[in-house]
N, C-alpha and C. Protein backbone atom coordinates (compact mmCIF):
# COMPACT_ATOMS: atom_id res chain seq x y z
N UNK A 1 -1.16 16.01 3.63
CA UNK A 1 -0.80 15.94 5.12
C UNK A 1 -1.70 15.13 5.26
N UNK A 2 -2.97 14.93 5.03
CA UNK A 2 -4.12 14.02 4.92
C UNK A 2 -3.22 12.75 4.39
N UNK A 3 -3.14 13.28 2.92
CA UNK A 3 -3.49 11.85 2.13
C UNK A 3 -1.85 10.61 2.09
N UNK A 4 -1.16 11.15 2.57
CA UNK A 4 0.15 10.46 3.09
C UNK A 4 -0.23 9.75 4.81
N UNK A 5 -1.34 10.43 5.05
CA UNK A 5 -2.23 9.48 6.25
C UNK A 5 -2.35 8.56 6.17
N UNK A 6 -3.87 8.61 4.99
CA UNK A 6 -4.50 7.88 4.42
C UNK A 6 -4.06 6.92 4.13
N UNK A 7 -2.79 6.87 3.00
CA UNK A 7 -1.55 5.92 2.21
C UNK A 7 -0.92 5.38 3.36
N UNK A 8 -0.79 5.53 4.48
CA UNK A 8 -0.19 5.09 5.12
C UNK A 8 -1.05 3.51 6.02
N UNK A 9 -2.14 4.64 6.46
CA UNK A 9 -3.54 3.64 6.82
C UNK A 9 -3.83 2.19 5.77
N UNK A 10 -3.50 2.93 4.70
CA UNK A 10 -4.32 1.77 3.81
C UNK A 10 -3.34 0.62 3.41
N UNK A 11 -1.92 1.07 3.40
CA UNK A 11 -0.30 -0.06 3.36
C UNK A 11 -0.49 -0.75 4.61
N UNK A 12 -1.09 -0.12 5.84
CA UNK A 12 -1.21 -0.81 6.85
C UNK A 12 -1.69 -1.91 7.24
N UNK A 13 -3.47 -1.50 6.09
CA UNK A 13 -4.46 -2.80 6.51
C UNK A 13 -4.22 -3.74 5.69
N UNK A 14 -3.98 -3.39 4.41
CA UNK A 14 -3.25 -4.27 3.33
C UNK A 14 -1.56 -4.87 3.60
N UNK A 15 -1.06 -5.24 4.88
CA UNK A 15 -0.34 -5.69 4.93
C UNK A 15 -0.57 -6.71 6.03
N UNK A 16 -1.49 -6.36 6.95
CA UNK A 16 -2.35 -7.13 7.91
C UNK A 16 -2.84 -7.94 7.93
N UNK A 17 -3.52 -7.36 6.73
CA UNK A 17 -4.96 -8.70 5.53
C UNK A 17 -4.82 -9.21 5.52
N UNK A 18 -3.99 -9.44 4.15
CA UNK A 18 -2.96 -10.00 3.30
C UNK A 18 -1.39 -10.62 3.07
N UNK A 19 -0.75 -10.29 4.23
CA UNK A 19 -0.05 -10.74 3.76
C UNK A 19 0.72 -12.16 4.78
N UNK A 20 -0.02 -13.43 3.81
CA UNK A 20 0.18 -14.41 4.34
C UNK A 20 1.04 -15.57 4.41
N UNK A 21 1.67 -15.33 2.60
CA UNK A 21 2.62 -15.67 1.69
C UNK A 21 3.79 -14.18 1.77
N UNK A 22 5.10 -14.79 1.31
CA UNK A 22 5.47 -14.05 0.68
C UNK A 22 5.35 -13.80 -0.65
N UNK A 23 4.16 -14.09 -1.34
CA UNK A 23 3.91 -13.75 -2.25
C UNK A 23 2.97 -12.99 -2.43
N UNK A 24 2.16 -13.04 -1.14
CA UNK A 24 0.74 -12.21 -0.54
C UNK A 24 2.00 -10.48 -0.18
N UNK A 25 3.23 -10.93 0.41
CA UNK A 25 3.56 -9.75 0.88
C UNK A 25 4.11 -9.14 -0.73
N UNK A 26 4.49 -9.68 -1.75
CA UNK A 26 4.66 -8.86 -3.13
C UNK A 26 4.36 -8.29 -3.66
N UNK A 27 3.41 -9.20 -3.39
CA UNK A 27 1.88 -8.52 -3.87
C UNK A 27 1.39 -7.05 -3.62
N UNK A 28 1.73 -6.68 -1.96
CA UNK A 28 1.08 -5.97 -1.43
C UNK A 28 1.90 -4.86 -1.68
N UNK A 29 3.10 -4.46 -1.53
CA UNK A 29 4.35 -3.75 -1.93
C UNK A 29 4.08 -3.04 -3.40
N UNK A 30 3.25 -4.13 -4.06
CA UNK A 30 3.36 -3.75 -5.86
C UNK A 30 2.13 -2.86 -5.50
N UNK A 31 0.95 -2.73 -4.79
CA UNK A 31 0.12 -2.18 -4.95
C UNK A 31 0.12 -1.17 -4.03
N UNK A 32 0.89 -0.85 -2.86
CA UNK A 32 1.73 0.42 -2.07
C UNK A 32 2.59 0.98 -3.38
N UNK A 33 3.48 0.72 -4.03
CA UNK A 33 4.29 1.12 -4.96
C UNK A 33 2.93 2.21 -6.28
N UNK A 34 2.08 1.50 -6.55
CA UNK A 34 1.11 2.31 -7.70
C UNK A 34 0.95 2.89 -6.75
N UNK A 35 0.46 2.86 -6.18
CA UNK A 35 -0.58 4.19 -5.07
C UNK A 35 0.11 5.29 -4.55
N UNK A 36 1.21 5.15 -4.83
CA UNK A 36 2.02 5.96 -4.24
C UNK A 36 2.96 6.61 -5.35
N UNK A 37 2.69 5.67 -6.73
CA UNK A 37 2.85 6.68 -7.96
C UNK A 37 1.55 7.41 -8.28
N UNK A 38 0.55 6.72 -8.14
CA UNK A 38 -0.45 7.67 -8.45
C UNK A 38 -0.97 8.92 -8.00
N UNK A 39 -0.24 8.75 -6.19
CA UNK A 39 -0.92 10.28 -5.81
C UNK A 39 0.56 10.76 -6.01
N UNK A 40 2.57 10.53 -6.44
CA UNK A 40 3.16 12.00 -6.89
C UNK A 40 2.61 12.47 -8.48
N UNK A 41 1.56 11.44 -9.40
CA UNK A 41 0.82 12.48 -10.75
C UNK A 41 -0.01 12.94 -10.26
N UNK A 42 -0.44 13.01 -8.80
CA UNK A 42 -1.49 13.90 -9.14
C UNK A 42 -1.22 15.49 -8.51
């Protein structure tokens, strides 16, 4: 549960900090997907 909250917090931080362009949004979504995949592998 704590990992999920941490992951969602990181996603929100990236979304607020770096989504100035559509390209930036795509990169953030890609990084979030990678983080979720890495968490699922553990």
